[in-house]
Amino acid sequence: MADPKGFLKHGREVAKTRPVSERVKDWNEVYVPGSLLPIISEQASRCMDCGIPFCHNGCPLGNLIPEWNDFAYREDWTAASERLHATNNFPEFTGRLCPAPCESACVLGINQPAVTIKNVEVSIIDKAWEAGTVAAQAPERLSGKTVAVIGSGPAGLAAAQQLTRAGHTVAVYERADRIGGLLRYGIPEFKMEKRHINRRIEQMRAEGTRFRTGIEIGRDLKATDLRKRYDAVVIAAGATTARDLPVPGRELKGVYQAMEYLPLANKVQEGDYVTSPVSAEGKHVIVIGGGDTGADCVGTAHRQGAASVTQLEIMPRPGEDRAPNQPWPTFPMLYKVTSAHEEGGERVYSVSTTHFEGDEDGNVQWLHLTEVEFIDGKLTPKPGTERRIPAQLVTLAMGFTGTDRANGLVEQFGLDLDERGNIARDADFQTNVPGVFVAGDAGRGQSLIVWAIAEGRSAAKGVDRFLTGVSDLPAPIRPTDRSLMV
């Protein structure tokens, strides 16, 4: 293990963030560059190398956390990077974006602050890139088999990289103009700078993966035609059908889905626009939805110069400590203050939107809401609590309900859906159509980036076995596996 007394000698210390007054003026990542490396060795030493490392249960990738903690403690960055990449294709993504269920399951977390697993992870991979030890791994020989991957989010990229390294010729189809899926256009720059995606794409190109942007399967290219061109297909198109808010006034100008709003801000950073066509500048902004996507909208609105930002959540405010019905090592629902929340704005809980009110030109001006409470297990409006708040830009960040059906992909392939509206698959991640597989949110439903990568890796094994009869690729999860929650 690292230091047998490390958890006794050192307290938890996390990455430092730049001052709010500085970071809201730019779109760079919020953390102080280089602030982790001086402290990360002693933070890694807090790992207890438990006899049963429950962090493995919290992480669907099966990351070898105690092992790379030990290497980080000893500052053997090459070995740490090798252990990290043994289970995770893209640790720089998860190290920045994953909510770290591994830390919730950390044994030290029973009675102390958990090990800073995410911070150790991102330190290792950043050090590896800096040292130039993240190299392309081209296959020794080609199988002669071809695979199409639909979607270039974390699930699609993970599947593509695994299958390319196994010797298959892989082409990734992406309907957007750039590769990355939600990593590219759903995650703001201040959470993850897109240079991290770009260098992984270059690595994958060097390995032999091919990329086709601006092609939507189902519209630009029929799914049936794609199936004829390739020996196998992996659908990793995500769960992009956003949950809507069917209340009066929804049609007013200024009310957008979060995924209509956030990509435009990212396109500004890519140089496509000088300013976003949908900007919060000078406006009273309302974000409906209390999750991570809502927080992304909050941080984006701050940087665009919003007059005010208010985030609404229909559920009660979570507690700051584990609830009795969410014991260790499950992932608890806790009150979370993200970097975006540190930057200002108001958070309002236990409220429901009743309708929007606009001006004579059809622009939203007010949001009407009411407080709600649980009565007999149902959220019920509280009489006498109705009020309105100014709203000149509203973003809906209430989650997603399933994969896109409008483009015809599901129907053209003839795919079966499960009871939740996700694409059904068997134990090998194969759909009811032979040779067509599904990975990520399209099959699992809305989930975490770490689950998406695990799905991509596992589906790749199913594809490899379908194409060759056997496979040595790892499969960290089964389609039926779920998060360690109660």
Protein backbone atom coordinates (compact mmCIF):
# COMPACT_ATOMS: atom_id res chain seq x y z
CA MET A 1 0.00 0.00 0.00
CA ALA A 2 1.00 3.65 -0.12
CA ASP A 3 1.60 5.00 3.40
CA PRO A 4 0.06 2.80 6.11
CA LYS A 5 -0.48 5.88 8.25
CA GLY A 6 -1.30 8.29 5.43
CA PHE A 7 -4.98 8.57 6.31
CA LEU A 8 -3.99 9.40 9.90
CA LYS A 9 -1.40 12.03 8.98
CA HIS A 10 -3.16 13.92 6.19
CA GLY A 11 -6.60 15.43 5.81
CA ARG A 12 -8.50 15.67 2.55
CA GLU A 13 -7.32 18.49 0.29
CA VAL A 14 -8.82 19.11 -3.15
CA ALA A 15 -7.88 21.13 -6.22
CA LYS A 16 -7.91 24.89 -5.76
CA THR A 17 -10.26 26.95 -7.89
CA ARG A 18 -9.47 30.33 -9.39
CA PRO A 19 -11.15 33.37 -7.80
CA VAL A 20 -14.76 33.81 -8.93
CA SER A 21 -14.10 37.38 -10.04
CA GLU A 22 -11.42 36.09 -12.40
CA ARG A 23 -12.93 32.93 -13.81
CA VAL A 24 -16.36 34.32 -14.74
CA LYS A 25 -14.55 36.61 -17.18
CA ASP A 26 -13.22 33.72 -19.24
CA TRP A 27 -14.12 30.16 -20.29
CA ASN A 28 -11.03 28.36 -19.06
CA GLU A 29 -11.28 25.53 -16.55
CA VAL A 30 -12.07 26.81 -13.08
CA TYR A 31 -9.12 25.12 -11.34
CA VAL A 32 -5.75 26.72 -10.68
CA PRO A 33 -3.36 25.12 -13.18
CA GLY A 34 -0.76 22.94 -11.48
CA SER A 35 -2.29 23.25 -8.02
CA LEU A 36 -2.79 19.51 -7.59
CA LEU A 37 0.66 18.10 -8.25
CA PRO A 38 2.34 19.47 -5.08
CA ILE A 39 -0.31 17.86 -2.85
CA ILE A 40 -1.35 14.77 -4.78
CA SER A 41 1.29 12.39 -3.45
CA GLU A 42 0.19 12.83 0.15
CA GLN A 43 -3.44 12.73 -0.91
CA ALA A 44 -2.83 9.40 -2.64
CA SER A 45 -1.14 8.18 0.55
CA ARG A 46 -4.50 8.39 2.33
CA CYS A 47 -5.64 5.31 0.39
CA MET A 48 -5.88 2.42 2.85
CA ASP A 49 -5.43 -0.39 0.27
CA CYS A 50 -8.47 -2.06 1.82
CA GLY A 51 -8.76 -5.82 1.85
CA ILE A 52 -12.04 -5.34 -0.01
CA PRO A 53 -11.72 -2.06 -1.95
CA PHE A 54 -15.31 -0.88 -2.15
CA CYS A 55 -14.23 1.90 -4.51
CA HIS A 56 -14.21 -0.90 -7.11
CA ASN A 57 -17.90 -1.46 -6.43
CA GLY A 58 -18.66 2.22 -6.82
CA CYS A 59 -16.85 2.42 -10.18
CA PRO A 60 -18.42 0.48 -13.09
CA LEU A 61 -15.11 0.55 -14.95
CA GLY A 62 -13.44 -1.50 -12.23
CA ASN A 63 -10.66 1.07 -11.97
CA LEU A 64 -7.64 -0.28 -10.08
CA ILE A 65 -7.76 2.61 -7.64
CA PRO A 66 -5.55 1.37 -4.78
CA GLU A 67 -2.88 0.38 -7.30
CA TRP A 68 -2.61 3.72 -9.04
CA ASN A 69 -2.92 5.54 -5.73
CA ASP A 70 0.18 3.65 -4.60
CA PHE A 71 2.08 4.56 -7.77
CA ALA A 72 1.01 8.21 -7.47
CA TYR A 73 2.21 8.25 -3.85
CA ARG A 74 5.58 6.98 -5.03
CA GLU A 75 5.50 9.43 -7.98
CA ASP A 76 5.91 6.59 -10.45
CA TRP A 77 3.76 8.33 -13.03
CA THR A 78 4.46 5.90 -15.87
CA ALA A 79 3.26 2.91 -13.87
CA ALA A 80 0.30 4.92 -12.54
CA SER A 81 -0.74 5.84 -16.08
CA GLU A 82 -0.47 2.21 -17.22
CA ARG A 83 -2.72 1.06 -14.37
CA LEU A 84 -5.16 3.89 -15.08
CA HIS A 85 -5.44 3.09 -18.78
CA ALA A 86 -5.85 -0.62 -18.08
CA THR A 87 -9.51 0.00 -17.29
CA ASN A 88 -10.33 3.48 -18.61
CA ASN A 89 -9.84 4.78 -22.14
CA PHE A 90 -10.34 8.42 -21.19
CA PRO A 91 -9.36 9.19 -17.58
CA GLU A 92 -8.97 12.90 -18.34
CA PHE A 93 -12.72 12.97 -19.07
CA THR A 94 -13.84 11.07 -15.99
CA GLY A 95 -11.28 12.83 -13.79
CA ARG A 96 -12.95 16.13 -14.65
CA LEU A 97 -16.61 15.23 -15.17
CA CYS A 98 -17.54 12.11 -13.21
CA PRO A 99 -19.39 12.71 -9.89
CA ALA A 100 -17.10 10.06 -8.39
CA PRO A 101 -19.28 7.25 -7.04
CA CYS A 102 -15.94 5.63 -6.19
CA GLU A 103 -15.39 8.28 -3.51
CA SER A 104 -18.83 7.67 -2.04
CA ALA A 105 -17.86 4.00 -1.71
CA CYS A 106 -14.38 4.69 -0.28
CA VAL A 107 -13.90 2.76 2.98
CA LEU A 108 -12.16 5.75 4.55
CA GLY A 109 -15.39 7.66 3.94
CA ILE A 110 -17.17 5.68 6.66
CA ASN A 111 -15.89 8.08 9.30
CA GLN A 112 -13.52 10.49 7.49
CA PRO A 113 -13.55 12.51 4.26
CA ALA A 114 -12.91 10.07 1.42
CA VAL A 115 -9.72 9.83 -0.61
CA THR A 116 -9.61 12.42 -3.43
CA ILE A 117 -9.76 9.68 -6.07
CA LYS A 118 -10.83 11.99 -8.91
CA ASN A 119 -8.03 14.44 -8.23
CA VAL A 120 -5.44 11.65 -8.17
CA GLU A 121 -6.84 10.29 -11.43
CA VAL A 122 -6.69 13.58 -13.28
CA SER A 123 -3.20 14.31 -11.93
CA ILE A 124 -1.92 11.00 -13.27
CA ILE A 125 -3.31 11.45 -16.76
CA ASP A 126 -2.31 15.11 -17.03
CA LYS A 127 1.20 14.14 -16.01
CA ALA A 128 1.17 11.36 -18.61
CA TRP A 129 0.17 13.72 -21.41
CA GLU A 130 2.79 16.21 -20.26
CA ALA A 131 5.47 13.50 -20.32
CA GLY A 132 4.38 12.25 -23.75
CA THR A 133 3.69 8.71 -22.54
CA VAL A 134 0.13 8.53 -23.93
CA ALA A 135 0.89 6.92 -27.28
CA ALA A 136 -1.22 5.53 -30.09
CA GLN A 137 -1.74 1.76 -29.91
CA ALA A 138 -2.26 0.66 -33.47
CA PRO A 139 -3.16 -3.02 -33.97
CA GLU A 140 -0.45 -5.40 -35.14
CA ARG A 141 -2.70 -6.78 -37.87
CA LEU A 142 -6.17 -6.10 -39.27
CA SER A 143 -9.06 -8.54 -39.05
CA GLY A 144 -10.64 -7.57 -42.35
CA LYS A 145 -13.89 -6.80 -40.51
CA THR A 146 -15.58 -3.41 -40.53
CA VAL A 147 -17.62 -1.69 -37.81
CA ALA A 148 -19.69 1.49 -37.85
CA VAL A 149 -20.19 3.36 -34.57
CA ILE A 150 -23.13 5.77 -34.48
CA GLY A 151 -22.37 8.59 -32.05
CA SER A 152 -19.10 10.03 -30.78
CA GLY A 153 -19.84 10.55 -27.11
CA PRO A 154 -17.86 8.66 -24.46
CA ALA A 155 -19.63 5.33 -25.13
CA GLY A 156 -19.07 5.52 -28.89
CA LEU A 157 -15.46 6.63 -28.57
CA ALA A 158 -14.66 3.89 -26.04
CA ALA A 159 -16.23 1.21 -28.25
CA ALA A 160 -14.45 2.55 -31.31
CA GLN A 161 -11.05 2.64 -29.66
CA GLN A 162 -11.37 -0.88 -28.26
CA LEU A 163 -12.50 -2.31 -31.60
CA THR A 164 -9.80 -0.47 -33.56
CA ARG A 165 -7.13 -1.82 -31.23
CA ALA A 166 -8.60 -5.31 -31.72
CA GLY A 167 -7.80 -4.99 -35.43
CA HIS A 168 -11.17 -4.07 -36.91
CA THR A 169 -11.64 -1.15 -39.30
CA VAL A 170 -13.89 1.31 -37.47
CA ALA A 171 -15.71 4.40 -38.68
CA VAL A 172 -17.46 6.73 -36.21
CA TYR A 173 -20.48 8.63 -37.54
CA GLU A 174 -21.43 11.87 -35.79
CA ARG A 175 -24.36 14.09 -36.76
CA ALA A 176 -22.75 17.24 -35.35
CA ASP A 177 -19.96 19.09 -37.13
CA ARG A 178 -17.32 17.99 -34.61
CA ILE A 179 -16.50 14.79 -32.77
CA GLY A 180 -17.30 14.46 -29.08
CA GLY A 181 -21.07 14.26 -28.64
CA LEU A 182 -22.16 15.76 -25.32
CA LEU A 183 -18.51 16.05 -24.32
CA ARG A 184 -18.10 18.56 -27.13
CA TYR A 185 -21.37 20.46 -27.09
CA GLY A 186 -23.04 19.60 -23.78
CA ILE A 187 -20.17 20.18 -21.35
CA PRO A 188 -19.12 23.84 -21.00
CA GLU A 189 -15.52 24.79 -21.61
CA PHE A 190 -15.06 25.85 -17.98
CA LYS A 191 -15.70 22.27 -16.86
CA MET A 192 -13.51 20.62 -19.49
CA GLU A 193 -11.49 22.42 -22.12
CA LYS A 194 -12.00 20.82 -25.50
CA ARG A 195 -8.27 20.37 -26.08
CA HIS A 196 -8.61 17.22 -23.99
CA ILE A 197 -11.04 15.78 -26.54
CA ASN A 198 -8.97 16.94 -29.50
CA ARG A 199 -5.81 15.13 -28.47
CA ARG A 200 -7.70 11.88 -27.82
CA ILE A 201 -9.24 12.13 -31.29
CA GLU A 202 -5.76 12.55 -32.76
CA GLN A 203 -4.59 9.49 -30.83
CA MET A 204 -7.53 7.48 -32.18
CA ARG A 205 -6.87 8.66 -35.74
CA ALA A 206 -3.26 7.55 -35.40
CA GLU A 207 -4.51 4.13 -34.28
CA GLY A 208 -6.69 3.86 -37.38
CA THR A 209 -10.18 4.96 -36.30
CA ARG A 210 -11.97 6.97 -38.97
CA PHE A 211 -14.39 9.78 -38.27
CA ARG A 212 -17.36 10.98 -40.32
CA THR A 213 -18.96 14.20 -39.09
CA GLY A 214 -22.13 15.93 -40.26
CA ILE A 215 -23.88 12.64 -41.06
CA GLU A 216 -27.03 11.71 -39.17
CA ILE A 217 -27.91 8.06 -39.53
CA GLY A 218 -31.61 7.77 -40.36
CA ARG A 219 -31.73 11.10 -42.19
CA ASP A 220 -28.52 11.67 -44.18
CA LEU A 221 -27.80 7.97 -44.49
CA LYS A 222 -30.39 5.24 -44.11
CA ALA A 223 -29.76 2.80 -41.31
CA THR A 224 -30.40 -0.12 -43.65
CA ASP A 225 -27.74 1.16 -46.07
CA LEU A 226 -25.25 1.52 -43.22
CA ARG A 227 -25.91 -2.05 -42.15
CA LYS A 228 -25.14 -3.29 -45.65
CA ARG A 229 -21.79 -1.47 -45.70
CA TYR A 230 -20.43 -2.81 -42.42
CA ASP A 231 -20.06 -6.18 -40.76
CA ALA A 232 -21.36 -4.78 -37.45
CA VAL A 233 -22.89 -1.58 -36.12
CA VAL A 234 -22.70 -0.06 -32.63
CA ILE A 235 -25.45 2.43 -31.77
CA ALA A 236 -24.11 4.92 -29.23
CA ALA A 237 -26.41 7.80 -30.10
CA GLY A 238 -27.25 8.70 -26.51
CA ALA A 239 -30.54 9.54 -24.85
CA THR A 240 -31.03 12.92 -26.46
CA THR A 241 -34.81 13.31 -26.27
CA ALA A 242 -35.16 16.05 -23.65
CA ARG A 243 -37.96 16.05 -21.09
CA ASP A 244 -40.25 18.98 -21.86
CA LEU A 245 -42.43 21.22 -19.69
CA PRO A 246 -45.97 21.26 -21.12
CA VAL A 247 -47.33 24.37 -19.40
CA PRO A 248 -49.04 27.47 -20.85
CA GLY A 249 -46.53 29.82 -22.42
CA ARG A 250 -44.01 27.14 -23.30
CA GLU A 251 -44.10 28.38 -26.90
CA LEU A 252 -42.86 31.86 -25.98
CA LYS A 253 -39.56 33.07 -27.40
CA GLY A 254 -36.79 32.79 -24.87
CA VAL A 255 -37.72 29.34 -23.52
CA TYR A 256 -35.16 26.75 -24.62
CA GLN A 257 -34.06 23.26 -23.85
CA ALA A 258 -30.66 23.20 -22.15
CA MET A 259 -29.21 21.36 -25.14
CA GLU A 260 -30.38 24.15 -27.42
CA TYR A 261 -28.66 26.72 -25.22
CA LEU A 262 -25.36 25.10 -24.13
CA PRO A 263 -24.02 24.00 -27.57
CA LEU A 264 -24.22 27.57 -28.88
CA ALA A 265 -21.97 28.80 -26.08
CA ASN A 266 -19.50 26.05 -26.91
CA LYS A 267 -19.60 27.00 -30.58
CA VAL A 268 -18.46 30.49 -29.60
CA GLN A 269 -15.39 28.90 -28.02
CA GLU A 270 -14.82 26.89 -31.19
CA GLY A 271 -14.80 30.13 -33.19
CA ASP A 272 -18.08 29.54 -35.03
CA TYR A 273 -19.73 32.63 -33.54
CA VAL A 274 -18.47 35.88 -32.09
CA THR A 275 -21.34 35.89 -29.60
CA SER A 276 -23.96 33.25 -28.91
CA PRO A 277 -27.25 33.59 -30.84
CA VAL A 278 -28.95 32.79 -27.52
CA SER A 279 -27.18 34.85 -24.88
CA ALA A 280 -28.00 35.58 -21.24
CA GLU A 281 -26.34 38.98 -21.36
CA GLY A 282 -28.33 41.51 -19.34
CA LYS A 283 -31.24 39.10 -18.84
CA HIS A 284 -32.98 37.56 -15.85
CA VAL A 285 -32.26 33.86 -16.37
CA ILE A 286 -34.25 30.96 -14.96
CA VAL A 287 -32.85 27.43 -15.05
CA ILE A 288 -35.45 24.72 -14.43
CA GLY A 289 -33.76 21.58 -13.13
CA GLY A 290 -31.37 21.12 -10.23
CA GLY A 291 -28.90 18.62 -11.71
CA ASP A 292 -25.51 18.92 -13.37
CA THR A 293 -26.94 20.15 -16.68
CA GLY A 294 -28.77 22.87 -14.80
CA ALA A 295 -25.52 23.87 -13.10
CA ASP A 296 -23.87 24.04 -16.52
CA CYS A 297 -26.56 26.49 -17.62
CA VAL A 298 -25.98 28.54 -14.46
CA GLY A 299 -22.23 28.82 -15.06
CA THR A 300 -22.75 29.65 -18.74
CA ALA A 301 -25.24 32.39 -17.90
CA HIS A 302 -22.78 33.94 -15.43
CA ARG A 303 -20.09 34.12 -18.10
CA GLN A 304 -22.48 35.66 -20.60
CA GLY A 305 -23.27 38.49 -18.18
CA ALA A 306 -26.76 37.62 -16.93
CA ALA A 307 -28.52 40.23 -14.79
CA SER A 308 -29.63 37.45 -12.43
CA VAL A 309 -29.68 33.65 -12.39
CA THR A 310 -32.22 31.53 -10.52
CA GLN A 311 -32.23 27.74 -10.52
CA LEU A 312 -35.51 25.95 -9.73
CA GLU A 313 -35.88 22.38 -8.46
CA ILE A 314 -39.17 20.61 -7.83
CA MET A 315 -37.72 18.29 -5.18
CA PRO A 316 -36.82 19.36 -1.62
CA ARG A 317 -33.27 20.48 -0.90
CA PRO A 318 -31.07 17.44 -0.15
CA GLY A 319 -29.27 17.20 3.16
CA GLU A 320 -25.56 17.82 3.62
CA ASP A 321 -25.01 14.43 5.29
CA ARG A 322 -25.98 10.90 4.28
CA ALA A 323 -29.60 10.08 4.92
CA PRO A 324 -30.24 6.94 7.00
CA ASN A 325 -31.74 5.22 3.98
CA GLN A 326 -28.60 5.91 1.89
CA PRO A 327 -25.88 4.17 3.92
CA TRP A 328 -22.27 3.73 2.89
CA PRO A 329 -21.21 2.53 0.31
CA THR A 330 -24.20 3.65 -1.77
CA PHE A 331 -24.13 6.89 -3.73
CA PRO A 332 -25.97 9.42 -1.54
CA MET A 333 -28.14 12.31 -2.67
CA LEU A 334 -26.41 15.27 -1.03
CA TYR A 335 -26.64 19.04 -1.31
CA LYS A 336 -23.92 19.87 -3.83
CA VAL A 337 -22.35 23.24 -4.47
CA THR A 338 -20.65 23.19 -7.86
CA SER A 339 -18.21 25.78 -9.15
CA ALA A 340 -21.12 27.40 -11.02
CA HIS A 341 -23.09 27.80 -7.79
CA GLU A 342 -20.08 29.40 -6.11
CA GLU A 343 -20.26 32.10 -8.77
CA GLY A 344 -23.64 33.41 -7.65
CA GLY A 345 -27.32 33.07 -8.34
CA GLU A 346 -30.21 31.74 -6.28
CA ARG A 347 -31.34 28.14 -5.84
CA VAL A 348 -35.00 27.55 -5.05
CA TYR A 349 -36.29 24.12 -4.01
CA SER A 350 -39.74 22.54 -3.74
CA VAL A 351 -41.30 24.70 -6.46
CA SER A 352 -43.18 23.87 -9.65
CA THR A 353 -43.68 26.08 -12.71
CA THR A 354 -47.35 26.71 -13.50
CA HIS A 355 -47.00 28.88 -16.61
CA PHE A 356 -44.97 31.50 -18.47
CA GLU A 357 -46.08 35.04 -19.23
CA GLY A 358 -44.84 37.05 -22.21
CA ASP A 359 -44.98 40.50 -23.70
CA GLU A 360 -46.92 41.66 -26.74
CA ASP A 361 -44.12 40.46 -29.03
CA GLY A 362 -44.22 36.90 -27.72
CA ASN A 363 -41.06 37.10 -25.61
CA VAL A 364 -41.07 35.44 -22.20
CA GLN A 365 -41.02 37.97 -19.34
CA TRP A 366 -42.27 36.16 -16.24
CA LEU A 367 -42.32 32.67 -14.79
CA HIS A 368 -45.19 31.77 -12.47
CA LEU A 369 -44.54 29.12 -9.84
CA THR A 370 -45.97 27.58 -6.74
CA GLU A 371 -44.42 25.78 -3.81
CA VAL A 372 -45.04 22.04 -3.58
CA GLU A 373 -44.95 19.47 -0.82
CA PHE A 374 -45.28 15.70 -0.53
CA ILE A 375 -48.76 14.59 0.50
CA ASP A 376 -49.46 10.84 0.46
CA GLY A 377 -46.30 10.35 -1.57
CA LYS A 378 -47.27 12.86 -4.26
CA LEU A 379 -45.97 16.35 -4.94
CA THR A 380 -48.90 18.68 -4.34
CA PRO A 381 -49.13 22.48 -4.77
CA LYS A 382 -49.34 24.47 -1.54
CA PRO A 383 -52.28 26.90 -1.66
CA GLY A 384 -51.41 30.56 -1.31
CA THR A 385 -47.76 30.18 -2.41
CA GLU A 386 -48.18 31.23 -6.03
CA ARG A 387 -45.87 34.01 -7.23
CA ARG A 388 -44.06 35.17 -10.32
CA ILE A 389 -40.41 35.96 -10.95
CA PRO A 390 -38.79 37.83 -13.86
CA ALA A 391 -37.65 35.55 -16.67
CA GLN A 392 -36.23 36.78 -19.96
CA LEU A 393 -34.34 33.57 -20.72
CA VAL A 394 -35.47 30.16 -19.49
CA THR A 395 -33.55 26.91 -19.94
CA LEU A 396 -35.13 23.51 -19.33
CA ALA A 397 -32.64 21.10 -17.77
CA MET A 398 -34.95 18.36 -16.57
CA GLY A 399 -33.19 15.34 -17.98
CA PHE A 400 -33.78 13.07 -20.96
CA THR A 401 -36.39 10.44 -21.74
CA GLY A 402 -34.69 8.23 -24.32
CA THR A 403 -32.93 7.97 -27.63
CA ASP A 404 -34.01 10.11 -30.61
CA ARG A 405 -36.91 8.55 -32.50
CA ALA A 406 -37.54 11.42 -34.91
CA ASN A 407 -34.61 10.66 -37.21
CA GLY A 408 -35.91 7.20 -38.09
CA LEU A 409 -32.89 5.25 -36.88
CA VAL A 410 -34.87 2.98 -34.55
CA GLU A 411 -37.57 2.23 -37.11
CA GLN A 412 -35.20 1.75 -40.04
CA PHE A 413 -33.15 -0.81 -38.16
CA GLY A 414 -36.33 -2.41 -36.80
CA LEU A 415 -35.12 -2.26 -33.21
CA ASP A 416 -37.06 -3.41 -30.18
CA LEU A 417 -37.36 -1.07 -27.20
CA ASP A 418 -37.58 -1.99 -23.54
CA GLU A 419 -40.29 -0.85 -21.12
CA ARG A 420 -38.44 2.41 -20.48
CA GLY A 421 -38.15 3.32 -24.15
CA ASN A 422 -34.46 2.42 -24.44
CA ILE A 423 -33.09 0.18 -27.17
CA ALA A 424 -33.30 -3.41 -25.91
CA ARG A 425 -30.18 -5.59 -25.94
CA ASP A 426 -29.02 -9.02 -24.80
CA ALA A 427 -26.13 -10.02 -22.55
CA ASP A 428 -23.65 -9.21 -25.34
CA PHE A 429 -25.18 -5.73 -25.88
CA GLN A 430 -26.65 -6.99 -29.17
CA THR A 431 -30.09 -5.80 -30.24
CA ASN A 432 -32.80 -7.97 -31.78
CA VAL A 433 -31.13 -7.29 -35.15
CA PRO A 434 -28.08 -9.55 -35.60
CA GLY A 435 -24.88 -7.56 -35.88
CA VAL A 436 -26.39 -4.36 -34.45
CA PHE A 437 -25.26 -3.51 -30.92
CA VAL A 438 -26.09 -0.68 -28.55
CA ALA A 439 -23.93 1.03 -25.92
CA GLY A 440 -24.34 3.95 -23.54
CA ASP A 441 -27.43 6.00 -22.80
CA ALA A 442 -29.26 4.72 -25.90
CA GLY A 443 -29.52 1.35 -24.18
CA ARG A 444 -29.15 2.24 -20.50
CA GLY A 445 -31.01 5.53 -20.35
CA GLN A 446 -29.58 8.79 -19.03
CA SER A 447 -26.54 7.96 -16.94
CA LEU A 448 -23.00 9.02 -15.99
CA ILE A 449 -19.91 9.37 -18.16
CA VAL A 450 -18.17 6.56 -16.29
CA TRP A 451 -21.07 4.22 -17.12
CA ALA A 452 -20.94 5.32 -20.76
CA ILE A 453 -17.27 4.38 -21.08
CA ALA A 454 -17.91 1.07 -19.30
CA GLU A 455 -20.78 0.38 -21.71
CA GLY A 456 -18.61 1.16 -24.72
CA ARG A 457 -15.87 -1.16 -23.54
CA SER A 458 -18.33 -3.96 -22.76
CA ALA A 459 -20.22 -3.63 -26.05
CA ALA A 460 -16.90 -3.79 -27.90
CA LYS A 461 -16.31 -7.25 -26.48
CA GLY A 462 -19.72 -8.37 -27.75
CA VAL A 463 -18.97 -7.00 -31.22
CA ASP A 464 -15.51 -8.56 -31.28
CA ARG A 465 -16.95 -11.95 -30.32
CA PHE A 466 -19.66 -11.62 -32.98
CA LEU A 467 -17.07 -10.87 -35.65
CA THR A 468 -14.39 -13.39 -34.69
CA GLY A 469 -16.05 -16.00 -32.48
CA VAL A 470 -13.85 -15.20 -29.47
CA SER A 471 -12.68 -12.04 -27.71
CA ASP A 472 -10.02 -11.07 -25.22
CA LEU A 473 -11.41 -7.58 -24.76
CA PRO A 474 -12.53 -6.68 -21.23
CA ALA A 475 -16.21 -6.26 -20.36
CA PRO A 476 -16.46 -4.45 -17.02
CA ILE A 477 -20.27 -4.49 -16.82
CA ARG A 478 -23.36 -6.35 -17.98
CA PRO A 479 -26.32 -4.54 -19.57
CA THR A 480 -28.36 -5.19 -16.45
CA ASP A 481 -25.83 -3.80 -13.97
CA ARG A 482 -26.86 -0.65 -12.11
CA SER A 483 -25.25 1.96 -9.89
CA LEU A 484 -24.55 1.16 -6.26
CA MET A 485 -27.63 2.99 -4.98
CA VAL A 486 -30.68 2.26 -2.84
